């Protein structure tokens, strides 16, 4: 496992400065955000700048700083509903697949091994399983488009989504064979789930995002955090995960995610993950002390 940092952790500076900071903090990789209306790079830039040109710019910025692209995280709209894979309108779902394709081309061109997308939302006027089944169909089409480009596709379970609990997440994975997970423990812990609840999902994990979390807190400082990082690393090691661990503090008013010092918390979490990784490497047969 290697450590990466999300470029969208630093929205107050331009993209080059964000990458400078990530490199200076000693990370090996970067998660590139493509968020409609909400990151340095946006899906609409793929049309206005062009996929090849934008990918070339990003690749040059990343490589000259000694970094690699760990993941590309795509959000096609600035809300969870507009292009949700679970949307009731078949035309909207087809449009979501079409809009994702340039982002997949971009991800392949910058050397990312995969792409993360959002899973969609549950619709209140129908049984939950109907929304899940629609989402699974749309995500299956997205998965096939990703695989055609040599990419893996995963969804991030998150609060307010169709897979806001470990149990619902397991149901979606079962309904869409081949779909991976981008796991951020904080989304589950915020809603009251425990590590025991989360760990059965780990064999399906393609990518890992990390930030402090606690019951009722989607983004928590190190002092408030209740996630046991050493346990998480040991559990990932046990299932053979050898991908990236990305620190993913964000700065947004949603869910009070603007209440922590991103720089300090990123450095603190980086050091805790390094310690957890070192403990696993030193002796994988002996449980390491909890690092919270």
Protein backbone atom coordinates (compact mmCIF):
# COMPACT_ATOMS: atom_id res chain seq x y z
CA UNK A 1 0.00 0.00 0.00
CA UNK A 2 1.14 3.52 -0.82
CA UNK A 3 -0.08 6.91 0.36
CA UNK A 4 -1.80 9.51 -1.80
CA UNK A 5 -3.61 12.78 -1.14
CA UNK A 6 -6.64 14.25 -2.89
CA UNK A 7 -6.00 17.39 -4.94
CA UNK A 8 -9.43 18.72 -3.92
CA UNK A 9 -8.26 18.91 -0.29
CA UNK A 10 -6.78 22.30 -1.24
CA UNK A 11 -9.50 24.30 -3.09
CA UNK A 12 -8.15 27.71 -2.02
CA UNK A 13 -5.01 27.40 -4.17
CA UNK A 14 -4.59 26.64 -7.86
CA UNK A 15 -4.01 23.10 -9.10
CA UNK A 16 -0.25 23.44 -9.45
CA UNK A 17 0.08 24.73 -5.90
CA UNK A 18 -2.08 21.88 -4.60
CA UNK A 19 0.19 19.36 -6.32
CA UNK A 20 3.28 21.17 -4.97
CA UNK A 21 1.91 20.80 -1.47
CA UNK A 22 1.04 17.13 -1.94
CA UNK A 23 4.55 16.39 -3.21
CA UNK A 24 6.23 18.39 -0.44
CA UNK A 25 4.25 16.47 2.16
CA UNK A 26 5.84 13.27 0.90
CA UNK A 27 2.88 11.59 -0.76
CA UNK A 28 3.55 9.27 -3.70
CA UNK A 29 0.22 9.72 -5.47
CA UNK A 30 -2.69 12.07 -6.00
CA UNK A 31 -6.42 11.50 -6.34
CA UNK A 32 -7.65 13.82 -9.08
CA UNK A 33 -11.12 15.25 -8.60
CA UNK A 34 -13.40 15.90 -11.58
CA UNK A 35 -16.36 17.49 -9.81
CA UNK A 36 -18.97 19.51 -11.67
CA UNK A 37 -18.70 23.01 -10.25
CA UNK A 38 -16.53 21.99 -7.33
CA UNK A 39 -12.85 21.17 -8.00
CA UNK A 40 -9.79 22.43 -9.83
CA UNK A 41 -10.61 20.16 -12.77
CA UNK A 42 -14.19 19.63 -13.86
CA UNK A 43 -16.05 17.38 -16.30
CA UNK A 44 -17.00 20.42 -18.36
CA UNK A 45 -13.28 21.13 -18.94
CA UNK A 46 -13.09 17.90 -20.93
CA UNK A 47 -15.26 19.59 -23.55
CA UNK A 48 -13.92 23.14 -23.38
CA UNK A 49 -10.21 22.23 -23.17
CA UNK A 50 -10.34 18.78 -24.72
CA UNK A 51 -9.61 15.38 -23.21
CA UNK A 52 -6.14 14.93 -24.72
CA UNK A 53 -4.99 18.47 -23.97
CA UNK A 54 -6.25 18.45 -20.37
CA UNK A 55 -4.82 14.99 -19.75
CA UNK A 56 -1.46 16.11 -21.12
CA UNK A 57 -1.44 19.14 -18.83
CA UNK A 58 -2.30 17.07 -15.77
CA UNK A 59 0.17 14.32 -16.62
CA UNK A 60 2.96 16.90 -16.98
CA UNK A 61 2.05 18.58 -13.68
CA UNK A 62 1.93 15.28 -11.83
CA UNK A 63 5.05 13.69 -13.31
CA UNK A 64 7.29 16.76 -12.86
CA UNK A 65 6.50 16.62 -9.15
CA UNK A 66 7.36 12.95 -8.83
CA UNK A 67 3.74 11.92 -8.33
CA UNK A 68 1.42 9.45 -10.05
CA UNK A 69 -2.36 9.55 -10.41
CA UNK A 70 -3.80 7.14 -7.86
CA UNK A 71 -7.46 7.58 -8.84
CA UNK A 72 -9.83 9.86 -10.73
CA UNK A 73 -13.01 10.72 -8.80
CA UNK A 74 -15.84 11.83 -11.09
CA UNK A 75 -18.98 13.68 -10.00
CA UNK A 76 -21.09 14.58 -13.03
CA UNK A 77 -23.34 17.10 -11.26
CA UNK A 78 -23.20 19.36 -8.23
CA UNK A 79 -25.97 17.38 -6.54
CA UNK A 80 -26.59 13.69 -5.95
CA UNK A 81 -29.83 13.44 -7.94
CA UNK A 82 -29.31 14.95 -11.40
CA UNK A 83 -27.30 12.14 -13.01
CA UNK A 84 -27.81 9.47 -10.35
CA UNK A 85 -27.35 5.91 -11.66
CA UNK A 86 -30.65 5.18 -9.89
CA UNK A 87 -32.57 7.97 -11.66
CA UNK A 88 -36.12 6.89 -12.66
CA UNK A 89 -35.73 8.35 -16.18
CA UNK A 90 -34.02 5.93 -18.55
CA UNK A 91 -32.85 8.82 -20.73
CA UNK A 92 -31.12 10.49 -17.81
CA UNK A 93 -29.37 7.25 -16.89
CA UNK A 94 -28.17 6.81 -20.48
CA UNK A 95 -26.94 10.41 -20.49
CA UNK A 96 -24.97 9.74 -17.30
CA UNK A 97 -23.17 6.85 -19.01
CA UNK A 98 -22.48 9.03 -22.06
CA UNK A 99 -21.14 11.90 -19.94
CA UNK A 100 -18.84 9.55 -18.05
CA UNK A 101 -17.07 8.32 -21.18
CA UNK A 102 -14.83 11.41 -21.69
CA UNK A 103 -13.85 11.19 -18.02
CA UNK A 104 -12.88 7.56 -18.55
CA UNK A 105 -10.75 8.59 -21.54
CA UNK A 106 -9.12 11.24 -19.37
CA UNK A 107 -8.42 8.76 -16.56
CA UNK A 108 -6.79 6.31 -18.96
CA UNK A 109 -4.69 9.10 -20.51
CA UNK A 110 -3.31 10.31 -17.15
CA UNK A 111 -2.38 6.77 -16.11
CA UNK A 112 -4.97 6.12 -13.45
CA UNK A 113 -5.81 2.49 -12.81
CA UNK A 114 -9.43 3.26 -12.11
CA UNK A 115 -12.28 5.70 -11.64
CA UNK A 116 -14.59 6.36 -8.72
CA UNK A 117 -18.21 7.43 -9.25
CA UNK A 118 -21.17 8.05 -6.96
CA UNK A 119 -23.79 5.29 -6.56
CA UNK A 120 -27.00 7.31 -6.74
CA UNK A 121 -29.81 7.97 -4.30
CA UNK A 122 -32.90 6.14 -3.12
CA UNK A 123 -36.19 7.49 -4.41
CA UNK A 124 -38.84 7.92 -1.72
CA UNK A 125 -41.86 6.91 -3.82
CA UNK A 126 -40.72 3.34 -4.47
CA UNK A 127 -39.26 0.34 -2.65
CA UNK A 128 -35.53 0.68 -2.01
CA UNK A 129 -34.68 -2.45 -4.01
CA UNK A 130 -36.11 -0.92 -7.19
CA UNK A 131 -33.70 2.01 -6.93
CA UNK A 132 -30.85 -0.42 -6.26
CA UNK A 133 -31.70 -2.53 -9.29
CA UNK A 134 -31.76 0.51 -11.58
CA UNK A 135 -28.46 1.73 -10.15
CA UNK A 136 -26.92 -1.69 -10.71
CA UNK A 137 -27.95 -1.63 -14.37
CA UNK A 138 -26.49 1.83 -14.98
CA UNK A 139 -23.30 1.06 -13.09
CA UNK A 140 -22.96 -2.16 -15.10
CA UNK A 141 -22.95 -0.08 -18.30
CA UNK A 142 -20.39 2.27 -16.76
CA UNK A 143 -18.30 -0.72 -15.69
CA UNK A 144 -18.23 -2.11 -19.22
CA UNK A 145 -17.20 1.28 -20.61
CA UNK A 146 -14.39 1.47 -18.03
CA UNK A 147 -13.17 -2.06 -18.73
CA UNK A 148 -13.04 -1.30 -22.46
CA UNK A 149 -10.42 1.33 -21.59
CA UNK A 150 -8.44 -0.93 -19.26
CA UNK A 151 -9.85 0.75 -16.13
CA UNK A 152 -11.52 -0.52 -13.00
CA UNK A 153 -14.68 1.18 -11.75
CA UNK A 154 -15.80 1.63 -8.17
CA UNK A 155 -18.50 3.48 -6.28
CA UNK A 156 -18.12 5.34 -3.03
CA UNK A 157 -20.73 4.49 -0.38
CA UNK A 158 -21.65 7.78 1.26
CA UNK A 159 -24.19 9.39 3.55
CA UNK A 160 -27.41 10.41 1.76
CA UNK A 161 -26.78 7.81 -0.96
CA UNK A 162 -28.48 4.60 -1.96
CA UNK A 163 -25.71 2.68 -0.16
CA UNK A 164 -25.40 4.54 3.12
CA UNK A 165 -24.91 1.40 5.22
CA UNK A 166 -22.60 -1.62 4.87
CA UNK A 167 -25.58 -3.90 4.30
CA UNK A 168 -26.97 -1.83 1.44
CA UNK A 169 -23.50 -1.56 -0.03
CA UNK A 170 -23.15 -5.34 -0.04
CA UNK A 171 -26.50 -5.61 -1.83
CA UNK A 172 -25.39 -3.28 -4.65
CA UNK A 173 -22.08 -5.10 -5.11
CA UNK A 174 -23.95 -8.40 -5.33
CA UNK A 175 -26.31 -6.93 -7.94
CA UNK A 176 -23.47 -5.61 -10.13
CA UNK A 177 -20.70 -8.24 -10.47
CA UNK A 178 -17.27 -6.70 -11.05
CA UNK A 179 -18.12 -3.36 -9.46
CA UNK A 180 -15.50 -2.26 -6.93
CA UNK A 181 -15.77 -0.08 -3.86
CA UNK A 182 -13.98 3.11 -2.91
CA UNK A 183 -14.20 2.97 0.85
CA UNK A 184 -14.12 5.95 3.19
CA UNK A 185 -14.78 4.59 6.69
CA UNK A 186 -15.93 8.04 7.84
CA UNK A 187 -19.19 7.82 5.87
CA UNK A 188 -20.21 4.64 7.65
CA UNK A 189 -18.85 5.61 11.07
CA UNK A 190 -20.67 8.94 10.91
CA UNK A 191 -23.95 7.03 10.62
CA UNK A 192 -23.12 4.69 13.51
CA UNK A 193 -21.51 1.67 11.79
CA UNK A 194 -18.56 -0.08 13.41
CA UNK A 195 -15.40 -1.63 12.00
CA UNK A 196 -17.04 -5.04 12.48
CA UNK A 197 -19.84 -3.88 10.17
CA UNK A 198 -17.47 -2.47 7.53
CA UNK A 199 -14.80 -5.17 7.29
CA UNK A 200 -16.90 -7.77 5.38
CA UNK A 201 -16.88 -5.28 2.47
CA UNK A 202 -13.09 -5.11 2.23
CA UNK A 203 -12.63 -7.95 -0.32
CA UNK A 204 -14.52 -5.72 -2.78
CA UNK A 205 -12.38 -2.61 -2.18
CA UNK A 206 -10.58 -1.13 -5.18
CA UNK A 207 -9.54 2.18 -3.59
CA UNK A 208 -9.36 3.61 -0.07
CA UNK A 209 -9.98 7.18 1.07
CA UNK A 210 -9.24 8.19 4.64
CA UNK A 211 -10.14 11.04 6.96
CA UNK A 212 -11.06 11.24 10.58
CA UNK A 213 -14.65 10.43 11.43
CA UNK A 214 -16.84 9.77 14.45
CA UNK A 215 -20.52 9.10 15.16
CA UNK A 216 -22.35 12.17 13.91
CA UNK A 217 -19.19 13.64 12.35
CA UNK A 218 -18.41 12.99 8.70
CA UNK A 219 -15.08 14.79 8.99
CA UNK A 220 -13.35 14.85 12.34
CA UNK A 221 -10.06 16.07 13.74
CA UNK A 222 -7.51 13.62 15.11
CA UNK A 223 -8.72 14.45 18.62
CA UNK A 224 -12.33 13.58 17.73
CA UNK A 225 -11.63 10.62 15.43
CA UNK A 226 -12.82 7.15 16.46
CA UNK A 227 -11.52 5.17 13.45
CA UNK A 228 -8.74 2.73 14.35
CA UNK A 229 -6.27 3.25 11.50
CA UNK A 230 -4.00 0.38 12.53
CA UNK A 231 -6.94 -2.01 12.54
CA UNK A 232 -8.02 -0.76 9.12
CA UNK A 233 -4.55 -1.33 7.65
CA UNK A 234 -4.30 -4.79 9.21
CA UNK A 235 -7.73 -5.73 7.84
CA UNK A 236 -6.84 -4.49 4.35
CA UNK A 237 -3.56 -6.42 4.50
CA UNK A 238 -5.47 -9.55 5.52
CA UNK A 239 -7.66 -9.42 2.38
CA UNK A 240 -4.64 -8.76 0.14
CA UNK A 241 -5.33 -5.12 -0.66
CA UNK A 242 -2.25 -3.54 -2.25
CA UNK A 243 -3.70 -0.30 -3.60
CA UNK A 244 -3.63 3.31 -2.45
CA UNK A 245 -4.54 4.89 0.87
CA UNK A 246 -5.61 8.44 0.05
CA UNK A 247 -6.01 11.13 2.69
CA UNK A 248 -9.20 12.95 1.74
CA UNK A 249 -9.94 15.91 3.94
CA UNK A 250 -12.26 18.27 2.07
CA UNK A 251 -13.23 21.90 2.55
CA UNK A 252 -16.97 22.29 2.07
CA UNK A 253 -19.95 23.54 4.05
CA UNK A 254 -21.76 20.22 3.47
CA UNK A 255 -21.97 18.25 6.72
CA UNK A 256 -19.67 20.83 8.42
CA UNK A 257 -16.65 19.66 6.44
CA UNK A 258 -15.14 23.14 6.79
CA UNK A 259 -14.59 22.89 10.53
CA UNK A 260 -11.12 21.32 10.59
CA UNK A 261 -7.65 22.49 9.59
CA UNK A 262 -7.04 20.47 6.42
CA UNK A 263 -3.27 20.95 6.46
CA UNK A 264 -2.73 19.91 10.05
CA UNK A 265 -5.17 17.00 9.85
CA UNK A 266 -3.69 15.72 6.58
CA UNK A 267 -0.18 15.69 8.09
CA UNK A 268 -1.45 14.02 11.26
CA UNK A 269 -3.31 11.32 9.34
CA UNK A 270 -0.35 10.79 7.00
CA UNK A 271 1.83 10.03 10.01
CA UNK A 272 -0.72 7.67 11.56
CA UNK A 273 -1.10 5.74 8.33
CA UNK A 274 2.66 5.53 7.94
CA UNK A 275 2.92 4.14 11.47
CA UNK A 276 0.18 1.60 10.79
CA UNK A 277 1.83 0.48 7.56
CA UNK A 278 5.21 0.19 9.25
CA UNK A 279 3.73 -1.92 12.03
CA UNK A 280 2.20 -4.31 9.49
CA UNK A 281 5.46 -4.59 7.59
CA UNK A 282 7.45 -5.25 10.75
CA UNK A 283 5.27 -8.08 11.96
CA UNK A 284 2.08 -8.98 10.16
CA UNK A 285 1.45 -11.85 12.55
CA UNK A 286 1.28 -9.68 15.67
CA UNK A 287 -1.59 -7.17 15.97
CA UNK A 288 -0.26 -3.63 16.18
CA UNK A 289 -1.37 -1.27 18.92
CA UNK A 290 -4.34 0.89 17.94
CA UNK A 291 -3.37 4.14 16.29
CA UNK A 292 -6.18 6.62 16.52
